[in-house]
């Protein structure tokens, strides 16, 4: 069985030569201000949604299960997970959607 960690990305925020991110902005984007202050360097795991292409920083303290699509064997965001539970849902990855738009067989509103 393959590990889902293979889908993780990596984000490096290096403020070793910068003033860092202001405290109010760090809190607004959900980061601990101490980790992104002047002179700090932090490495964070990221995840990306296979259905919409959105990306986010992985929250290691998350209690509820992450969205997962068994059709494409990838993590998906909470919004796409909710959509996948709707009646009449058609499974499409972001690549499928891009190709359909380019071929004009799907109109996205």
PDB file of N, CA and C in Angstrom:
ATOM      1  N   UNK A   1       0.845  -1.187   0.000  1.00  0.00           N
ATOM      2  CA  UNK A   1       0.000   0.000   0.000  1.00  0.00           C
ATOM      3  C   UNK A   1       0.887   1.246   0.000  1.00  0.00           C
ATOM      4  N   UNK A   2       0.619   2.146  -0.917  1.00  0.00           N
ATOM      5  CA  UNK A   2       1.394   3.374  -1.014  1.00  0.00           C
ATOM      6  C   UNK A   2       1.001   4.354   0.078  1.00  0.00           C
ATOM      7  N   UNK A   3       1.953   5.162   0.503  1.00  0.00           N
ATOM      8  CA  UNK A   3       1.699   6.172   1.516  1.00  0.00           C
ATOM      9  C   UNK A   3       1.162   7.441   0.856  1.00  0.00           C
ATOM     10  N   UNK A   4       0.206   8.094   1.500  1.00  0.00           N
ATOM     11  CA  UNK A   4      -0.322   9.350   0.967  1.00  0.00           C
ATOM     12  C   UNK A   4       0.650  10.512   1.187  1.00  0.00           C
ATOM     13  N   UNK A   5       1.705  10.286   1.946  1.00  0.00           N
ATOM     14  CA  UNK A   5       2.709  11.339   2.131  1.00  0.00           C
ATOM     15  C   UNK A   5       3.430  11.657   0.829  1.00  0.00           C
ATOM     16  N   UNK A   6       3.323  10.767  -0.151  1.00  0.00           N
ATOM     17  CA  UNK A   6       3.965  11.024  -1.436  1.00  0.00           C
ATOM     18  C   UNK A   6       3.332  12.222  -2.141  1.00  0.00           C
ATOM     19  N   UNK A   7       2.135  12.641  -1.700  1.00  0.00           N
ATOM     20  CA  UNK A   7       1.452  13.777  -2.301  1.00  0.00           C
ATOM     21  C   UNK A   7       1.806  15.103  -1.625  1.00  0.00           C
ATOM     22  N   UNK A   8       2.578  15.053  -0.557  1.00  0.00           N
ATOM     23  CA  UNK A   8       2.930  16.275   0.150  1.00  0.00           C
ATOM     24  C   UNK A   8       3.956  17.093  -0.620  1.00  0.00           C
ATOM     25  N   UNK A   9       3.791  18.395  -0.517  1.00  0.00           N
ATOM     26  CA  UNK A   9       4.777  19.320  -1.057  1.00  0.00           C
ATOM     27  C   UNK A   9       5.568  19.914   0.093  1.00  0.00           C
ATOM     28  N   UNK A  10       6.364  20.915  -0.206  1.00  0.00           N
ATOM     29  CA  UNK A  10       7.247  21.485   0.793  1.00  0.00           C
ATOM     30  C   UNK A  10       7.339  22.990   0.569  1.00  0.00           C
ATOM     31  N   UNK A  11       7.187  23.753   1.641  1.00  0.00           N
ATOM     32  CA  UNK A  11       7.278  25.205   1.581  1.00  0.00           C
ATOM     33  C   UNK A  11       8.361  25.659   2.543  1.00  0.00           C
ATOM     34  N   UNK A  12       9.293  26.440   2.041  1.00  0.00           N
ATOM     35  CA  UNK A  12      10.363  26.995   2.868  1.00  0.00           C
ATOM     36  C   UNK A  12      10.162  28.496   2.932  1.00  0.00           C
ATOM     37  N   UNK A  13      10.014  29.021   4.141  1.00  0.00           N
ATOM     38  CA  UNK A  13       9.947  30.463   4.366  1.00  0.00           C
ATOM     39  C   UNK A  13      11.235  30.857   5.065  1.00  0.00           C
ATOM     40  N   UNK A  14      12.082  31.567   4.356  1.00  0.00           N
ATOM     41  CA  UNK A  14      13.402  31.928   4.871  1.00  0.00           C
ATOM     42  C   UNK A  14      13.485  33.439   5.063  1.00  0.00           C
ATOM     43  N   UNK A  15      13.467  33.854   6.331  1.00  0.00           N
ATOM     44  CA  UNK A  15      13.572  35.274   6.666  1.00  0.00           C
ATOM     45  C   UNK A  15      14.912  35.564   7.348  1.00  0.00           C
ATOM     46  N   UNK A  16      15.922  34.760   7.034  1.00  0.00           N
ATOM     47  CA  UNK A  16      17.227  34.959   7.658  1.00  0.00           C
ATOM     48  C   UNK A  16      17.867  36.269   7.227  1.00  0.00           C
ATOM     49  N   UNK A  17      17.441  36.829   6.109  1.00  0.00           N
ATOM     50  CA  UNK A  17      18.001  38.107   5.646  1.00  0.00           C
ATOM     51  C   UNK A  17      16.884  39.103   5.342  1.00  0.00           C
ATOM     52  N   UNK A  18      15.743  38.972   6.053  1.00  0.00           N
ATOM     53  CA  UNK A  18      14.635  39.901   5.823  1.00  0.00           C
ATOM     54  C   UNK A  18      13.974  40.236   7.161  1.00  0.00           C
ATOM     55  N   UNK A  19      13.114  41.244   7.151  1.00  0.00           N
ATOM     56  CA  UNK A  19      12.448  41.633   8.397  1.00  0.00           C
ATOM     57  C   UNK A  19      11.331  40.681   8.822  1.00  0.00           C
ATOM     58  N   UNK A  20      11.034  39.679   8.026  1.00  0.00           N
ATOM     59  CA  UNK A  20       9.989  38.724   8.386  1.00  0.00           C
ATOM     60  C   UNK A  20       8.609  39.228   8.011  1.00  0.00           C
ATOM     61  N   UNK A  21       7.597  38.492   8.438  1.00  0.00           N
ATOM     62  CA  UNK A  21       6.204  38.851   8.178  1.00  0.00           C
ATOM     63  C   UNK A  21       5.662  39.531   9.428  1.00  0.00           C
ATOM     64  N   UNK A  22       4.996  40.684   9.289  1.00  0.00           N
ATOM     65  CA  UNK A  22       4.425  41.357  10.460  1.00  0.00           C
ATOM     66  C   UNK A  22       3.457  40.440  11.217  1.00  0.00           C
ATOM     67  N   UNK A  23       3.382  40.630  12.527  1.00  0.00           N
ATOM     68  CA  UNK A  23       2.585  39.769  13.409  1.00  0.00           C
ATOM     69  C   UNK A  23       1.128  39.698  12.966  1.00  0.00           C
ATOM     70  N   UNK A  24       0.507  40.836  12.654  1.00  0.00           N
ATOM     71  CA  UNK A  24      -0.910  40.837  12.288  1.00  0.00           C
ATOM     72  C   UNK A  24      -1.161  40.073  10.981  1.00  0.00           C
ATOM     73  N   UNK A  25      -0.263  40.185  10.032  1.00  0.00           N
ATOM     74  CA  UNK A  25      -0.417  39.469   8.759  1.00  0.00           C
ATOM     75  C   UNK A  25      -0.174  37.974   8.954  1.00  0.00           C
ATOM     76  N   UNK A  26       0.820  37.618   9.758  1.00  0.00           N
ATOM     77  CA  UNK A  26       1.090  36.199  10.031  1.00  0.00           C
ATOM     78  C   UNK A  26      -0.132  35.534  10.654  1.00  0.00           C
ATOM     79  N   UNK A  27      -0.761  36.205  11.614  1.00  0.00           N
ATOM     80  CA  UNK A  27      -1.965  35.640  12.250  1.00  0.00           C
ATOM     81  C   UNK A  27      -3.106  35.533  11.256  1.00  0.00           C
ATOM     82  N   UNK A  28      -3.247  36.536  10.392  1.00  0.00           N
ATOM     83  CA  UNK A  28      -4.330  36.552   9.416  1.00  0.00           C
ATOM     84  C   UNK A  28      -4.218  35.380   8.439  1.00  0.00           C
ATOM     85  N   UNK A  29      -3.011  34.986   8.089  1.00  0.00           N
ATOM     86  CA  UNK A  29      -2.839  33.868   7.151  1.00  0.00           C
ATOM     87  C   UNK A  29      -2.633  32.530   7.873  1.00  0.00           C
ATOM     88  N   UNK A  30      -2.805  32.537   9.195  1.00  0.00           N
ATOM     89  CA  UNK A  30      -2.791  31.291   9.953  1.00  0.00           C
ATOM     90  C   UNK A  30      -1.426  30.759  10.336  1.00  0.00           C
ATOM     91  N   UNK A  31      -0.417  31.632  10.385  1.00  0.00           N
ATOM     92  CA  UNK A  31       0.923  31.195  10.774  1.00  0.00           C
ATOM     93  C   UNK A  31       1.280  31.727  12.150  1.00  0.00           C
ATOM     94  N   UNK A  32       2.067  30.974  12.875  1.00  0.00           N
ATOM     95  CA  UNK A  32       2.569  31.416  14.171  1.00  0.00           C
ATOM     96  C   UNK A  32       3.577  32.544  13.916  1.00  0.00           C
ATOM     97  N   UNK A  33       3.323  33.748  14.455  1.00  0.00           N
ATOM     98  CA  UNK A  33       4.229  34.877  14.204  1.00  0.00           C
ATOM     99  C   UNK A  33       5.678  34.612  14.605  1.00  0.00           C
ATOM    100  N   UNK A  34       5.903  33.753  15.602  1.00  0.00           N
ATOM    101  CA  UNK A  34       7.272  33.442  16.031  1.00  0.00           C
ATOM    102  C   UNK A  34       8.041  32.680  14.960  1.00  0.00           C
ATOM    103  N   UNK A  35       7.324  31.904  14.130  1.00  0.00           N
ATOM    104  CA  UNK A  35       7.983  31.099  13.097  1.00  0.00           C
ATOM    105  C   UNK A  35       8.406  31.908  11.880  1.00  0.00           C
ATOM    106  N   UNK A  36       7.757  33.057  11.663  1.00  0.00           N
ATOM    107  CA  UNK A  36       8.040  33.847  10.455  1.00  0.00           C
ATOM    108  C   UNK A  36       8.562  35.243  10.794  1.00  0.00           C
ATOM    109  N   UNK A  37       9.152  35.364  11.966  1.00  0.00           N
ATOM    110  CA  UNK A  37       9.715  36.648  12.395  1.00  0.00           C
ATOM    111  C   UNK A  37      11.082  36.872  11.748  1.00  0.00           C
ATOM    112  N   UNK A  38      11.642  38.028  11.984  1.00  0.00           N
ATOM    113  CA  UNK A  38      12.953  38.384  11.433  1.00  0.00           C
ATOM    114  C   UNK A  38      14.000  37.350  11.821  1.00  0.00           C
ATOM    115  N   UNK A  39      14.777  36.918  10.825  1.00  0.00           N
ATOM    116  CA  UNK A  39      15.866  35.981  11.063  1.00  0.00           C
ATOM    117  C   UNK A  39      15.459  34.525  11.176  1.00  0.00           C
ATOM    118  N   UNK A  40      14.171  34.213  11.045  1.00  0.00           N
ATOM    119  CA  UNK A  40      13.699  32.827  11.200  1.00  0.00           C
ATOM    120  C   UNK A  40      13.596  32.117   9.856  1.00  0.00           C
ATOM    121  N   UNK A  41      13.663  30.799   9.929  1.00  0.00           N
ATOM    122  CA  UNK A  41      13.490  29.942   8.765  1.00  0.00           C
ATOM    123  C   UNK A  41      12.562  28.808   9.178  1.00  0.00           C
ATOM    124  N   UNK A  42      11.528  28.539   8.382  1.00  0.00           N
ATOM    125  CA  UNK A  42      10.579  27.479   8.716  1.00  0.00           C
ATOM    126  C   UNK A  42      10.283  26.656   7.457  1.00  0.00           C
ATOM    127  N   UNK A  43      10.155  25.351   7.651  1.00  0.00           N
ATOM    128  CA  UNK A  43       9.792  24.434   6.573  1.00  0.00           C
ATOM    129  C   UNK A  43       8.438  23.826   6.922  1.00  0.00           C
ATOM    130  N   UNK A  44       7.506  23.855   5.963  1.00  0.00           N
ATOM    131  CA  UNK A  44       6.152  23.382   6.204  1.00  0.00           C
ATOM    132  C   UNK A  44       5.724  22.409   5.109  1.00  0.00           C
ATOM    133  N   UNK A  45       4.955  21.405   5.502  1.00  0.00           N
ATOM    134  CA  UNK A  45       4.395  20.463   4.530  1.00  0.00           C
ATOM    135  C   UNK A  45       3.169  21.101   3.887  1.00  0.00           C
ATOM    136  N   UNK A  46       2.981  20.867   2.595  1.00  0.00           N
ATOM    137  CA  UNK A  46       1.819  21.388   1.889  1.00  0.00           C
ATOM    138  C   UNK A  46       1.080  20.245   1.206  1.00  0.00           C
ATOM    139  N   UNK A  47      -0.188  20.497   0.908  1.00  0.00           N
ATOM    140  CA  UNK A  47      -1.014  19.559   0.159  1.00  0.00           C
ATOM    141  C   UNK A  47      -1.682  20.319  -0.973  1.00  0.00           C
ATOM    142  N   UNK A  48      -2.035  19.624  -2.036  1.00  0.00           N
ATOM    143  CA  UNK A  48      -2.730  20.247  -3.161  1.00  0.00           C
ATOM    144  C   UNK A  48      -3.932  19.391  -3.537  1.00  0.00           C
ATOM    145  N   UNK A  49      -4.999  20.060  -3.925  1.00  0.00           N
ATOM    146  CA  UNK A  49      -6.228  19.385  -4.329  1.00  0.00           C
ATOM    147  C   UNK A  49      -6.106  18.934  -5.780  1.00  0.00           C
ATOM    148  N   UNK A  50      -6.333  17.682  -6.024  1.00  0.00           N
ATOM    149  CA  UNK A  50      -6.243  17.123  -7.378  1.00  0.00           C
ATOM    150  C   UNK A  50      -7.437  17.553  -8.244  1.00  0.00           C
ATOM    151  N   UNK A  51      -8.522  17.990  -7.599  1.00  0.00           N
ATOM    152  CA  UNK A  51      -9.722  18.351  -8.347  1.00  0.00           C
ATOM    153  C   UNK A  51      -9.757  19.822  -8.756  1.00  0.00           C
ATOM    154  N   UNK A  52      -9.301  20.730  -7.896  1.00  0.00           N
ATOM    155  CA  UNK A  52      -9.375  22.160  -8.229  1.00  0.00           C
ATOM    156  C   UNK A  52      -8.004  22.811  -8.371  1.00  0.00           C
ATOM    157  N   UNK A  53      -6.960  22.161  -7.883  1.00  0.00           N
ATOM    158  CA  UNK A  53      -5.615  22.716  -7.997  1.00  0.00           C
ATOM    159  C   UNK A  53      -5.221  23.618  -6.844  1.00  0.00           C
ATOM    160  N   UNK A  54      -6.114  23.835  -5.898  1.00  0.00           N
ATOM    161  CA  UNK A  54      -5.791  24.663  -4.733  1.00  0.00           C
ATOM    162  C   UNK A  54      -4.735  23.996  -3.870  1.00  0.00           C
ATOM    163  N   UNK A  55      -3.962  24.806  -3.164  1.00  0.00           N
ATOM    164  CA  UNK A  55      -2.918  24.272  -2.280  1.00  0.00           C
ATOM    165  C   UNK A  55      -3.048  24.919  -0.911  1.00  0.00           C
ATOM    166  N   UNK A  56      -2.610  24.200   0.116  1.00  0.00           N
ATOM    167  CA  UNK A  56      -2.677  24.720   1.470  1.00  0.00           C
ATOM    168  C   UNK A  56      -1.568  24.111   2.301  1.00  0.00           C
ATOM    169  N   UNK A  57      -1.279  24.788   3.420  1.00  0.00           N
ATOM    170  CA  UNK A  57      -0.290  24.286   4.375  1.00  0.00           C
ATOM    171  C   UNK A  57      -0.968  23.207   5.209  1.00  0.00           C
ATOM    172  N   UNK A  58      -0.323  22.074   5.335  1.00  0.00           N
ATOM    173  CA  UNK A  58      -0.882  20.953   6.087  1.00  0.00           C
ATOM    174  C   UNK A  58      -0.941  21.306   7.566  1.00  0.00           C
ATOM    175  N   UNK A  59      -2.093  21.106   8.163  1.00  0.00           N
ATOM    176  CA  UNK A  59      -2.282  21.353   9.592  1.00  0.00           C
ATOM    177  C   UNK A  59      -2.057  20.041  10.337  1.00  0.00           C
ATOM    178  N   UNK A  60      -0.939  19.908  11.047  1.00  0.00           N
ATOM    179  CA  UNK A  60      -0.661  18.641  11.735  1.00  0.00           C
ATOM    180  C   UNK A  60      -1.614  18.364  12.898  1.00  0.00           C
ATOM    181  N   UNK A  61      -2.337  19.395  13.366  1.00  0.00           N
ATOM    182  CA  UNK A  61      -3.256  19.225  14.493  1.00  0.00           C
ATOM    183  C   UNK A  61      -4.693  18.933  14.059  1.00  0.00           C
ATOM    184  N   UNK A  62      -4.928  18.759  12.775  1.00  0.00           N
ATOM    185  CA  UNK A  62      -6.280  18.524  12.266  1.00  0.00           C
ATOM    186  C   UNK A  62      -6.841  17.239  12.851  1.00  0.00           C
ATOM    187  N   UNK A  63      -8.069  17.291  13.340  1.00  0.00           N
ATOM    188  CA  UNK A  63      -8.714  16.133  13.963  1.00  0.00           C
ATOM    189  C   UNK A  63      -9.606  15.384  12.987  1.00  0.00           C
ATOM    190  N   UNK A  64     -10.332  16.115  12.123  1.00  0.00           N
ATOM    191  CA  UNK A  64     -11.242  15.447  11.194  1.00  0.00           C
ATOM    192  C   UNK A  64     -10.465  14.903   9.996  1.00  0.00           C
ATOM    193  N   UNK A  65     -11.005  13.894   9.356  1.00  0.00           N
ATOM    194  CA  UNK A  65     -10.278  13.292   8.228  1.00  0.00           C
ATOM    195  C   UNK A  65     -10.127  14.263   7.058  1.00  0.00           C
ATOM    196  N   UNK A  66      -9.018  14.152   6.365  1.00  0.00           N
ATOM    197  CA  UNK A  66      -8.786  14.969   5.175  1.00  0.00           C
ATOM    198  C   UNK A  66      -9.587  14.400   4.013  1.00  0.00           C
ATOM    199  N   UNK A  67      -9.968  15.284   3.091  1.00  0.00           N
ATOM    200  CA  UNK A  67     -10.670  14.831   1.897  1.00  0.00           C
ATOM    201  C   UNK A  67      -9.751  13.964   1.054  1.00  0.00           C
ATOM    202  N   UNK A  68     -10.270  12.872   0.574  1.00  0.00           N
ATOM    203  CA  UNK A  68      -9.488  11.952  -0.238  1.00  0.00           C
ATOM    204  C   UNK A  68     -10.393  11.412  -1.341  1.00  0.00           C
ATOM    205  N   UNK A  69      -9.874  11.341  -2.542  1.00  0.00           N
ATOM    206  CA  UNK A  69     -10.633  10.800  -3.672  1.00  0.00           C
ATOM    207  C   UNK A  69     -10.061   9.430  -4.033  1.00  0.00           C
ATOM    208  N   UNK A  70     -10.878   8.421  -3.938  1.00  0.00           N
ATOM    209  CA  UNK A  70     -10.422   7.058  -4.243  1.00  0.00           C
ATOM    210  C   UNK A  70     -10.282   6.830  -5.740  1.00  0.00           C
ATOM    211  N   UNK A  71     -10.932   7.666  -6.553  1.00  0.00           N
ATOM    212  CA  UNK A  71     -10.823   7.508  -8.007  1.00  0.00           C
ATOM    213  C   UNK A  71      -9.454   7.926  -8.521  1.00  0.00           C
ATOM    214  N   UNK A  72      -8.939   9.051  -8.001  1.00  0.00           N
ATOM    215  CA  UNK A  72      -7.631   9.522  -8.492  1.00  0.00           C
ATOM    216  C   UNK A  72      -6.528   9.333  -7.449  1.00  0.00           C
ATOM    217  N   UNK A  73      -6.855   8.742  -6.281  1.00  0.00           N
ATOM    218  CA  UNK A  73      -5.879   8.427  -5.245  1.00  0.00           C
ATOM    219  C   UNK A  73      -5.078   9.659  -4.828  1.00  0.00           C
ATOM    220  N   UNK A  74      -5.810  10.753  -4.534  1.00  0.00           N
ATOM    221  CA  UNK A  74      -5.173  11.991  -4.101  1.00  0.00           C
ATOM    222  C   UNK A  74      -6.009  12.650  -3.021  1.00  0.00           C
ATOM    223  N   UNK A  75      -5.340  13.535  -2.275  1.00  0.00           N
ATOM    224  CA  UNK A  75      -6.064  14.399  -1.350  1.00  0.00           C
ATOM    225  C   UNK A  75      -6.874  15.402  -2.152  1.00  0.00           C
ATOM    226  N   UNK A  76      -8.015  15.810  -1.599  1.00  0.00           N
ATOM    227  CA  UNK A  76      -8.791  16.892  -2.177  1.00  0.00           C
ATOM    228  C   UNK A  76      -9.180  17.848  -1.062  1.00  0.00           C
ATOM    229  N   UNK A  77      -9.464  19.087  -1.422  1.00  0.00           N
ATOM    230  CA  UNK A  77      -9.805  20.104  -0.420  1.00  0.00           C
ATOM    231  C   UNK A  77     -11.210  19.851   0.130  1.00  0.00           C
ATOM    232  N   UNK A  78     -11.548  20.555   1.206  1.00  0.00           N
ATOM    233  CA  UNK A  78     -12.849  20.369   1.837  1.00  0.00           C
ATOM    234  C   UNK A  78     -13.993  20.748   0.897  1.00  0.00           C
ATOM    235  N   UNK A  79     -13.799  21.792   0.089  1.00  0.00           N
ATOM    236  CA  UNK A  79     -14.839  22.209  -0.848  1.00  0.00           C
ATOM    237  C   UNK A  79     -15.115  21.160  -1.906  1.00  0.00           C
ATOM    238  N   UNK A  80     -14.066  20.609  -2.480  1.00  0.00           N
ATOM    239  CA  UNK A  80     -14.229  19.567  -3.495  1.00  0.00           C
ATOM    240  C   UNK A  80     -14.780  18.283  -2.880  1.00  0.00           C
ATOM    241  N   UNK A  81     -14.419  18.000  -1.649  1.00  0.00           N
ATOM    242  CA  UNK A  81     -14.967  16.822  -0.964  1.00  0.00           C
ATOM    243  C   UNK A  81     -16.469  16.981  -0.787  1.00  0.00           C
ATOM    244  N   UNK A  82     -16.904  18.174  -0.382  1.00  0.00           N
ATOM    245  CA  UNK A  82     -18.332  18.433  -0.226  1.00  0.00           C
ATOM    246  C   UNK A  82     -19.049  18.296  -1.565  1.00  0.00           C
ATOM    247  N   UNK A  83     -18.443  18.829  -2.635  1.00  0.00           N
ATOM    248  CA  UNK A  83     -19.036  18.703  -3.970  1.00  0.00           C
ATOM    249  C   UNK A  83     -19.143  17.242  -4.396  1.00  0.00           C
ATOM    250  N   UNK A  84     -18.154  16.433  -4.048  1.00  0.00           N
ATOM    251  CA  UNK A  84     -18.149  15.030  -4.468  1.00  0.00           C
ATOM    252  C   UNK A  84     -19.264  14.221  -3.815  1.00  0.00           C
ATOM    253  N   UNK A  85     -19.844  14.740  -2.748  1.00  0.00           N
ATOM    254  CA  UNK A  85     -20.927  14.039  -2.059  1.00  0.00           C
ATOM    255  C   UNK A  85     -22.305  14.421  -2.595  1.00  0.00           C
ATOM    256  N   UNK A  86     -22.361  15.396  -3.506  1.00  0.00           N
ATOM    257  CA  UNK A  86     -23.633  15.844  -4.070  1.00  0.00           C
ATOM    258  C   UNK A  86     -24.160  14.841  -5.084  1.00  0.00           C
ATOM    259  N   UNK A  87     -25.495  14.739  -5.198  1.00  0.00           N
ATOM    260  CA  UNK A  87     -26.057  13.842  -6.214  1.00  0.00           C
ATOM    261  C   UNK A  87     -25.681  14.332  -7.618  1.00  0.00           C
ATOM    262  N   UNK A  88     -25.408  13.417  -8.501  1.00  0.00           N
ATOM    263  CA  UNK A  88     -25.074  13.768  -9.875  1.00  0.00           C
ATOM    264  C   UNK A  88     -23.647  14.237 -10.077  1.00  0.00           C
ATOM    265  N   UNK A  89     -22.817  14.098  -9.051  1.00  0.00           N
ATOM    266  CA  UNK A  89     -21.417  14.533  -9.157  1.00  0.00           C
ATOM    267  C   UNK A  89     -20.692  13.728 -10.232  1.00  0.00           C
ATOM    268  N   UNK A  90     -19.922  14.435 -11.058  1.00  0.00           N
ATOM    269  CA  UNK A  90     -19.093  13.791 -12.082  1.00  0.00           C
ATOM    270  C   UNK A  90     -17.634  14.008 -11.704  1.00  0.00           C
ATOM    271  N   UNK A  91     -16.886  12.938 -11.563  1.00  0.00           N
ATOM    272  CA  UNK A  91     -15.481  13.044 -11.155  1.00  0.00           C
ATOM    273  C   UNK A  91     -14.651  13.633 -12.283  1.00  0.00           C
ATOM    274  N   UNK A  92     -13.931  14.740 -11.975  1.00  0.00           N
ATOM    275  CA  UNK A  92     -13.011  15.361 -12.927  1.00  0.00           C
ATOM    276  C   UNK A  92     -11.827  15.924 -12.156  1.00  0.00           C
ATOM    277  N   UNK A  93     -10.638  15.632 -12.636  1.00  0.00           N
ATOM    278  CA  UNK A  93      -9.449  16.238 -12.040  1.00  0.00           C
ATOM    279  C   UNK A  93      -9.244  17.611 -12.666  1.00  0.00           C
ATOM    280  N   UNK A  94      -8.326  18.383 -12.089  1.00  0.00           N
ATOM    281  CA  UNK A  94      -8.073  19.716 -12.656  1.00  0.00           C
ATOM    282  C   UNK A  94      -7.562  19.611 -14.091  1.00  0.00           C
ATOM    283  N   UNK A  95      -6.796  18.593 -14.383  1.00  0.00           N
ATOM    284  CA  UNK A  95      -6.302  18.396 -15.746  1.00  0.00           C
ATOM    285  C   UNK A  95      -7.453  18.114 -16.718  1.00  0.00           C
ATOM    286  N   UNK A  96      -8.412  17.291 -16.277  1.00  0.00           N
ATOM    287  CA  UNK A  96      -9.585  17.005 -17.103  1.00  0.00           C
ATOM    288  C   UNK A  96     -10.361  18.287 -17.394  1.00  0.00           C
ATOM    289  N   UNK A  97     -10.516  19.129 -16.369  1.00  0.00           N
ATOM    290  CA  UNK A  97     -11.252  20.385 -16.530  1.00  0.00           C
ATOM    291  C   UNK A  97     -10.526  21.323 -17.477  1.00  0.00           C
ATOM    292  N   UNK A  98      -9.199  21.428 -17.352  1.00  0.00           N
ATOM    293  CA  UNK A  98      -8.418  22.293 -18.245  1.00  0.00           C
ATOM    294  C   UNK A  98      -8.566  21.843 -19.699  1.00  0.00           C
ATOM    295  N   UNK A  99      -8.437  20.535 -19.922  1.00  0.00           N
ATOM    296  CA  UNK A  99      -8.555  20.016 -21.287  1.00  0.00           C
ATOM    297  C   UNK A  99      -9.950  20.249 -21.860  1.00  0.00           C
ATOM    298  N   UNK A 100     -10.977  20.072 -21.034  1.00  0.00           N
ATOM    299  CA  UNK A 100     -12.347  20.280 -21.501  1.00  0.00           C
ATOM    300  C   UNK A 100     -12.587  21.742 -21.861  1.00  0.00           C
ATOM    301  N   UNK A 101     -12.049  22.652 -21.066  1.00  0.00           N
ATOM    302  CA  UNK A 101     -12.202  24.080 -21.364  1.00  0.00           C
ATOM    303  C   UNK A 101     -11.452  24.423 -22.642  1.00  0.00           C
ATOM    304  N   UNK A 102     -10.239  23.908 -22.794  1.00  0.00           N
ATOM    305  CA  UNK A 102      -9.458  24.189 -24.001  1.00  0.00           C
ATOM    306  C   UNK A 102     -10.121  23.628 -25.256  1.00  0.00           C
ATOM    307  N   UNK A 103     -10.775  22.489 -25.132  1.00  0.00           N
ATOM    308  CA  UNK A 103     -11.444  21.894 -26.293  1.00  0.00           C
ATOM    309  C   UNK A 103     -12.857  22.438 -26.459  1.00  0.00           C
ATOM    310  N   UNK A 104     -13.254  23.350 -25.562  1.00  0.00           N
ATOM    311  CA  UNK A 104     -14.574  23.992 -25.603  1.00  0.00           C
ATOM    312  C   UNK A 104     -15.730  23.002 -25.414  1.00  0.00           C
ATOM    313  N   UNK A 105     -15.459  21.864 -24.776  1.00  0.00           N
ATOM    314  CA  UNK A 105     -16.528  20.920 -24.496  1.00  0.00           C
ATOM    315  C   UNK A 105     -17.119  21.148 -23.116  1.00  0.00           C
ATOM    316  N   UNK A 106     -16.527  22.041 -22.342  1.00  0.00           N
ATOM    317  CA  UNK A 106     -17.039  22.357 -21.005  1.00  0.00           C
ATOM    318  C   UNK A 106     -16.916  23.858 -20.800  1.00  0.00           C
ATOM    319  N   UNK A 107     -17.986  24.460 -20.369  1.00  0.00           N
ATOM    320  CA  UNK A 107     -17.974  25.893 -20.077  1.00  0.00           C
ATOM    321  C   UNK A 107     -18.017  26.031 -18.560  1.00  0.00           C
ATOM    322  N   UNK A 108     -17.026  26.698 -17.989  1.00  0.00           N
ATOM    323  CA  UNK A 108     -16.935  26.889 -16.553  1.00  0.00           C
ATOM    324  C   UNK A 108     -17.462  28.271 -16.224  1.00  0.00           C
ATOM    325  N   UNK A 109     -18.378  28.343 -15.273  1.00  0.00           N
ATOM    326  CA  UNK A 109     -18.915  29.646 -14.874  1.00  0.00           C
ATOM    327  C   UNK A 109     -18.456  30.006 -13.503  1.00  0.00           C
TER     328      UNK A 109
END
